[in-house]
Amino acid sequence: MNKVYPDAQAALHDVADGVTILAGGFGLSGNPENCIAELARKQVKQLTIVSNNCGTTEKGLGVLLAQGQVKKMVSSYVGENKVFEKLFLSGELEVELCPQGTLAERLRAGGAGIEAFYTPTGFGTKVAEGKETRELNGKQCVLEKAIRGDFAIVKAWKGDRWGNLVFRKTSRNFNPLCAQAGTITIVEVEELVEVGQLEPDQVHLPSIYVQRIFQGTSYEKPIEQRTTRKRS
């Protein structure tokens, strides 16, 4: 069972116009940089992208926005991207804002085979408009539907040829959740190892959720805002 592809171009060969893509990352941390660059090169259009945010104006998923490749974003936070603001206000980009915890749970539900769940988050706000509500244990709750995608693009620190994955610190973020909810999950790793080289107790996500894996290159690992102080 060898799921290894030579590079991003080979791994994303069948990503076409109009698909739904789940993208790991939080801000620019844990972004699948090679996959995003390949999507930009392929110029696929009319994409629906589910991600905590849409990168910055010039980095991460923001590159796809700037090239007019994104039809709809499902996100929690969108405040770092001027192109996002412009496209949304002009009506060129459809946006579904989703509370961060709810977004995480919708992805987890999608991967676990749960079709929907009730949560008190968002009741009485625009988030709840058009959705079923009911009282549970004295709390007013909103019915939220699971999220699944045609593809998931994910970044991990280490992975083996079967697709067992290890993430590094905060760059884990939404990556495992997106991996679980993708029909075809494509993973890029910094280190690709042979089966048996990862300690089983250290594996964060088992290979059952991964269909394709490749070793990424030329990682930039940008930071949205770097704030430092002078050493005393």
Protein backbone atom coordinates (compact mmCIF):
# COMPACT_ATOMS: atom_id res chain seq x y z
CA MET A 1 0.00 0.00 0.00
CA ASN A 2 1.98 2.95 -1.31
CA LYS A 3 0.18 6.29 -1.41
CA VAL A 4 3.24 8.35 -2.34
CA TYR A 5 3.12 10.83 -5.24
CA PRO A 6 6.24 12.54 -6.58
CA ASP A 7 5.00 16.11 -6.06
CA ALA A 8 2.02 18.43 -5.73
CA GLN A 9 1.33 18.47 -9.45
CA ALA A 10 0.91 14.70 -9.55
CA ALA A 11 -1.08 14.55 -6.32
CA LEU A 12 -3.56 17.26 -7.43
CA HIS A 13 -3.84 16.13 -11.05
CA ASP A 14 -7.62 15.60 -10.96
CA VAL A 15 -8.68 18.69 -9.01
CA ALA A 16 -11.10 20.41 -11.38
CA ASP A 17 -13.25 23.53 -11.60
CA GLY A 18 -16.14 23.75 -9.16
CA VAL A 19 -14.92 21.35 -6.47
CA THR A 20 -15.07 21.85 -2.72
CA ILE A 21 -11.67 21.91 -1.02
CA LEU A 22 -11.03 21.67 2.72
CA ALA A 23 -7.76 23.45 3.53
CA GLY A 24 -5.83 22.98 6.75
CA GLY A 25 -4.02 25.80 8.49
CA PHE A 26 -4.70 28.57 10.98
CA GLY A 27 -3.66 31.97 9.76
CA LEU A 28 -0.53 31.00 7.84
CA SER A 29 0.53 28.34 10.34
CA GLY A 30 0.29 24.81 8.99
CA ASN A 31 -0.66 25.94 5.49
CA PRO A 32 -0.28 23.32 2.75
CA GLU A 33 2.01 25.66 0.80
CA ASN A 34 2.88 23.30 -2.05
CA CYS A 35 -0.76 22.37 -2.65
CA ILE A 36 -1.87 26.01 -2.68
CA ALA A 37 0.89 26.89 -5.15
CA GLU A 38 -0.19 24.04 -7.43
CA LEU A 39 -3.84 25.12 -7.33
CA ALA A 40 -2.69 28.60 -8.32
CA ARG A 41 -0.63 27.17 -11.19
CA LYS A 42 -3.52 24.99 -12.41
CA GLN A 43 -5.86 28.00 -12.46
CA VAL A 44 -8.86 25.90 -11.43
CA LYS A 45 -11.93 28.12 -11.00
CA GLN A 46 -15.23 28.34 -9.13
CA LEU A 47 -13.78 26.72 -6.03
CA THR A 48 -15.58 26.43 -2.71
CA ILE A 49 -12.93 26.51 0.01
CA VAL A 50 -13.50 25.63 3.64
CA SER A 51 -10.75 26.95 5.90
CA ASN A 52 -10.47 28.81 9.18
CA ASN A 53 -9.42 31.88 7.20
CA CYS A 54 -8.34 32.77 3.68
CA GLY A 55 -4.71 33.65 4.23
CA THR A 56 -3.47 37.20 3.89
CA THR A 57 -3.59 39.53 0.90
CA GLU A 58 -0.45 38.00 -0.62
CA LYS A 59 0.08 34.70 1.20
CA GLY A 60 -1.66 31.38 1.70
CA LEU A 61 -5.11 30.91 0.21
CA GLY A 62 -5.18 34.64 -0.49
CA VAL A 63 -3.22 33.91 -3.66
CA LEU A 64 -6.19 31.95 -5.04
CA LEU A 65 -8.57 34.77 -4.15
CA ALA A 66 -6.38 37.32 -5.92
CA GLN A 67 -6.44 35.20 -9.08
CA GLY A 68 -10.24 34.97 -9.06
CA GLN A 69 -10.31 31.21 -8.48
CA VAL A 70 -12.62 31.15 -5.44
CA LYS A 71 -16.41 31.28 -5.68
CA LYS A 72 -17.25 30.72 -2.00
CA MET A 73 -15.43 30.73 1.34
CA VAL A 74 -16.61 29.02 4.50
CA SER A 75 -14.49 30.56 7.26
CA SER A 76 -14.31 31.85 10.81
CA TYR A 77 -11.92 34.76 10.46
CA VAL A 78 -11.32 36.91 7.39
CA GLY A 79 -9.74 40.10 8.72
CA GLU A 80 -6.21 39.77 7.28
CA ASN A 81 -7.10 39.95 3.61
CA LYS A 82 -7.88 43.16 1.71
CA VAL A 83 -8.73 41.26 -1.48
CA PHE A 84 -11.26 39.21 0.48
CA GLU A 85 -12.93 42.42 1.70
CA LYS A 86 -13.06 43.90 -1.81
CA LEU A 87 -14.50 40.76 -3.43
CA PHE A 88 -17.09 40.28 -0.70
CA LEU A 89 -18.31 43.87 -0.73
CA SER A 90 -18.55 43.84 -4.53
CA GLY A 91 -20.62 40.63 -4.48
CA GLU A 92 -17.98 38.62 -6.33
CA LEU A 93 -17.34 36.27 -3.39
CA GLU A 94 -19.93 34.30 -1.46
CA VAL A 95 -19.04 34.04 2.22
CA GLU A 96 -20.40 31.76 4.94
CA LEU A 97 -19.08 32.87 8.31
CA CYS A 98 -19.01 30.08 10.88
CA PRO A 99 -17.95 30.32 14.54
CA GLN A 100 -14.54 28.73 14.97
CA GLY A 101 -15.59 25.97 17.35
CA THR A 102 -18.64 25.20 15.22
CA LEU A 103 -16.47 25.01 12.10
CA ALA A 104 -14.14 22.55 13.82
CA GLU A 105 -17.07 20.40 14.96
CA ARG A 106 -18.74 20.48 11.53
CA LEU A 107 -15.53 19.14 10.01
CA ARG A 108 -15.14 16.55 12.75
CA ALA A 109 -18.73 15.45 12.24
CA GLY A 110 -18.14 15.13 8.51
CA GLY A 111 -15.23 12.80 9.12
CA ALA A 112 -17.09 10.79 11.76
CA GLY A 113 -20.18 10.16 9.63
CA ILE A 114 -22.42 12.41 11.75
CA GLU A 115 -24.83 14.35 9.57
CA ALA A 116 -25.65 17.21 11.95
CA PHE A 117 -25.54 18.33 15.58
CA TYR A 118 -27.10 20.91 17.88
CA THR A 119 -25.05 23.69 19.48
CA PRO A 120 -26.03 26.78 21.50
CA THR A 121 -23.36 28.79 19.69
CA GLY A 122 -24.87 31.37 17.38
CA PHE A 123 -28.47 31.15 18.61
CA GLY A 124 -30.22 34.48 18.19
CA THR A 125 -27.63 35.78 15.70
CA LYS A 126 -27.34 35.85 11.92
CA VAL A 127 -25.54 32.50 12.16
CA ALA A 128 -28.87 30.89 13.09
CA GLU A 129 -30.94 32.47 10.32
CA GLY A 130 -32.71 29.83 8.23
CA LYS A 131 -31.56 26.97 10.46
CA GLU A 132 -33.60 24.66 12.66
CA THR A 133 -33.52 25.49 16.37
CA ARG A 134 -34.75 23.73 19.48
CA GLU A 135 -34.39 23.79 23.25
CA LEU A 136 -32.15 21.13 24.80
CA ASN A 137 -31.47 20.94 28.54
CA GLY A 138 -32.79 24.45 28.95
CA LYS A 139 -30.57 25.91 26.22
CA GLN A 140 -31.68 27.20 22.84
CA CYS A 141 -29.61 25.42 20.19
CA VAL A 142 -28.97 25.65 16.46
CA LEU A 143 -28.79 22.65 14.12
CA GLU A 144 -25.50 22.71 12.24
CA LYS A 145 -24.77 20.37 9.33
CA ALA A 146 -21.57 18.42 8.85
CA ILE A 147 -19.00 19.59 6.31
CA ARG A 148 -17.37 17.28 3.78
CA GLY A 149 -15.23 18.10 0.77
CA ASP A 150 -14.32 16.61 -2.59
CA PHE A 151 -10.67 17.15 -1.66
CA ALA A 152 -8.74 18.05 1.48
CA ILE A 153 -5.29 19.63 1.30
CA VAL A 154 -3.28 19.13 4.45
CA LYS A 155 0.20 19.89 5.81
CA ALA A 156 1.93 17.58 8.30
CA TRP A 157 5.44 17.50 9.74
CA LYS A 158 6.17 13.81 9.18
CA GLY A 159 4.36 11.03 7.39
CA ASP A 160 5.08 7.51 6.22
CA ARG A 161 4.32 5.94 2.86
CA TRP A 162 0.96 4.66 4.08
CA GLY A 163 -0.14 8.11 5.24
CA ASN A 164 0.26 7.92 9.02
CA LEU A 165 0.87 11.50 10.13
CA VAL A 166 2.64 13.48 12.84
CA PHE A 167 1.94 17.20 13.18
CA ARG A 168 4.23 19.73 14.85
CA LYS A 169 2.90 21.86 17.69
CA THR A 170 0.35 24.56 16.76
CA SER A 171 0.63 23.82 13.04
CA ARG A 172 -1.63 20.83 13.70
CA ASN A 173 -4.67 23.15 14.09
CA PHE A 174 -7.40 22.35 11.52
CA ASN A 175 -5.29 19.92 9.49
CA PRO A 176 -6.47 16.63 11.06
CA LEU A 177 -10.12 17.72 10.91
CA CYS A 178 -9.87 18.61 7.23
CA ALA A 179 -8.09 15.33 6.50
CA GLN A 180 -10.90 13.33 8.09
CA ALA A 181 -13.65 15.12 6.17
CA GLY A 182 -12.14 14.97 2.70
CA THR A 183 -13.26 12.41 0.13
CA ILE A 184 -9.73 12.50 -1.30
CA THR A 185 -7.21 13.75 1.24
CA ILE A 186 -3.90 14.99 -0.15
CA VAL A 187 -1.10 15.48 2.38
CA GLU A 188 2.22 17.24 1.99
CA VAL A 189 4.90 16.53 4.59
CA GLU A 190 8.29 17.95 5.45
CA GLU A 191 9.70 14.50 6.12
CA LEU A 192 8.55 11.35 4.34
CA VAL A 193 9.67 8.14 6.06
CA GLU A 194 9.29 4.41 5.61
CA VAL A 195 6.52 2.45 7.30
CA GLY A 196 7.63 1.50 10.81
CA GLN A 197 9.81 4.56 11.38
CA LEU A 198 7.07 6.46 13.22
CA GLU A 199 6.42 5.50 16.84
CA PRO A 200 2.78 4.30 16.91
CA ASP A 201 2.02 6.31 20.06
CA GLN A 202 3.27 9.47 18.33
CA VAL A 203 0.94 9.21 15.31
CA HIS A 204 -1.66 12.00 15.44
CA LEU A 205 -3.72 10.84 12.45
CA PRO A 206 -3.86 7.26 11.12
CA SER A 207 -3.43 6.43 7.46
CA ILE A 208 -7.07 5.45 6.93
CA TYR A 209 -7.89 9.14 6.33
CA VAL A 210 -5.16 9.72 3.74
CA GLN A 211 -5.36 8.85 0.03
CA ARG A 212 -2.26 10.66 -1.31
CA ILE A 213 0.97 11.91 0.23
CA PHE A 214 4.10 13.64 -1.05
CA GLN A 215 7.18 15.33 0.33
CA GLY A 216 6.92 19.09 0.06
CA THR A 217 9.74 21.46 -0.80
CA SER A 218 10.81 25.09 -0.35
CA TYR A 219 8.70 25.85 2.71
CA GLU A 220 8.50 29.54 3.50
CA LYS A 221 6.38 29.26 6.69
CA PRO A 222 5.36 32.93 6.71
CA ILE A 223 3.93 34.76 9.72
CA GLU A 224 1.04 37.23 9.36
CA GLN A 225 2.35 39.78 11.86
CA ARG A 226 5.69 39.58 13.59
CA THR A 227 5.88 41.68 16.75
CA THR A 228 9.18 41.91 18.58
CA ARG A 229 10.78 44.03 21.27
CA LYS A 230 14.28 45.25 21.76
CA ARG A 231 16.37 43.13 24.07
CA SER A 232 17.24 44.88 27.30
